[in-house]
Amino acid sequence: MGHVTVIKDYRLTTVEILYHLPDHPALLQTYVWQAMDIAPEYPDPRKFLAFWRTELEGKLHSVRVAANPLARTGRVRHAKAMHTLH
């Protein structure tokens, strides 16, 4: 049996967080975060949101996650043909 290497699917991920201002709960503020992350689990935003819920005062209103598959880490593929030019 051969050894299979799995390449994680890192993608450019944008997270838009709407939250209530602690001093003025009727007002919403936007926080946008962008980084390379692993789709579809998105571990970094999940950790950040867990931190937000426990440590920050602004109550979360909504979270939107978008990932761009075009801006991701490289893929490995084998060449179908090789040509030599002199």
Protein backbone atom coordinates (compact mmCIF):
# COMPACT_ATOMS: atom_id res chain seq x y z
CA MET A 1 0.00 0.00 0.00
CA GLY A 2 1.24 3.48 -0.84
CA HIS A 3 1.42 6.42 1.52
CA VAL A 4 -1.14 9.14 0.83
CA THR A 5 -0.34 12.72 1.85
CA VAL A 6 -3.32 14.93 2.56
CA ILE A 7 -2.84 18.61 1.79
CA LYS A 8 -5.06 20.77 3.97
CA ASP A 9 -7.38 23.09 2.07
CA TYR A 10 -6.21 26.51 3.25
CA ARG A 11 -8.27 29.33 1.79
CA LEU A 12 -8.41 33.07 2.10
CA THR A 13 -11.15 33.41 4.71
CA THR A 14 -13.04 36.58 5.60
CA VAL A 15 -15.12 36.74 8.78
CA GLU A 16 -17.57 39.61 9.30
CA ILE A 17 -18.76 39.97 12.88
CA LEU A 18 -21.64 42.25 13.85
CA TYR A 19 -21.81 42.95 17.57
CA HIS A 20 -23.68 45.20 19.98
CA LEU A 21 -21.65 48.07 21.44
CA PRO A 22 -21.31 47.46 25.19
CA ASP A 23 -22.16 51.09 26.13
CA HIS A 24 -24.95 51.42 23.52
CA PRO A 25 -26.50 47.96 22.94
CA ALA A 26 -28.98 49.29 20.38
CA LEU A 27 -26.04 50.11 18.04
CA LEU A 28 -24.17 47.53 15.99
CA GLN A 29 -20.48 47.65 15.15
CA THR A 30 -18.69 45.62 12.46
CA TYR A 31 -15.42 43.78 12.91
CA VAL A 32 -13.82 42.18 9.83
CA TRP A 33 -11.05 39.60 10.08
CA GLN A 34 -9.21 38.06 7.14
CA ALA A 35 -6.63 35.26 7.16
CA MET A 36 -5.72 31.97 5.54
CA ASP A 37 -7.65 29.17 7.23
CA ILE A 38 -8.63 25.55 6.70
CA ALA A 39 -11.97 24.97 4.99
CA PRO A 40 -14.59 23.84 5.95
CA GLU A 41 -13.67 23.56 9.66
CA TYR A 42 -12.29 27.14 10.04
CA PRO A 43 -10.54 26.44 13.37
CA ASP A 44 -9.04 29.93 13.86
CA PRO A 45 -12.34 31.86 13.60
CA ARG A 46 -14.00 29.28 15.87
CA LYS A 47 -11.31 29.80 18.53
CA PHE A 48 -11.59 33.57 18.17
CA LEU A 49 -15.39 33.52 18.51
CA ALA A 50 -15.12 31.30 21.61
CA PHE A 51 -12.69 33.85 23.07
CA TRP A 52 -15.05 36.69 22.12
CA ARG A 53 -18.02 35.07 23.88
CA THR A 54 -16.12 34.53 27.12
CA GLU A 55 -13.77 37.53 27.33
CA LEU A 56 -15.26 40.51 25.45
CA GLU A 57 -18.24 42.64 26.43
CA GLY A 58 -19.87 43.21 23.03
CA LYS A 59 -22.66 40.64 22.55
CA LEU A 60 -22.49 38.96 19.14
CA HIS A 61 -25.33 39.76 16.75
CA SER A 62 -24.28 37.76 13.69
CA VAL A 63 -21.26 36.22 11.98
CA ARG A 64 -20.70 35.71 8.25
CA VAL A 65 -17.86 33.59 6.88
CA ALA A 66 -16.72 33.70 3.27
CA ALA A 67 -13.87 31.72 1.75
CA ASN A 68 -12.27 32.14 -1.64
CA PRO A 69 -11.19 28.84 -3.18
CA LEU A 70 -9.23 30.72 -5.87
CA ALA A 71 -6.76 32.10 -3.31
CA ARG A 72 -5.63 28.93 -1.62
CA THR A 73 -2.43 27.01 -1.15
CA GLY A 74 -1.01 25.16 -4.12
CA ARG A 75 -2.11 21.77 -5.25
CA VAL A 76 0.13 18.92 -6.27
CA ARG A 77 -0.46 17.32 -9.63
CA HIS A 78 1.65 15.20 -11.91
CA ALA A 79 2.70 16.31 -15.37
CA LYS A 80 1.05 14.43 -18.23
CA ALA A 81 3.97 14.99 -20.58
CA MET A 82 7.50 16.39 -20.60
CA HIS A 83 9.12 18.00 -23.62
CA THR A 84 12.69 19.21 -24.10
CA LEU A 85 13.46 22.19 -26.33
CA HIS A 86 16.98 22.95 -27.53
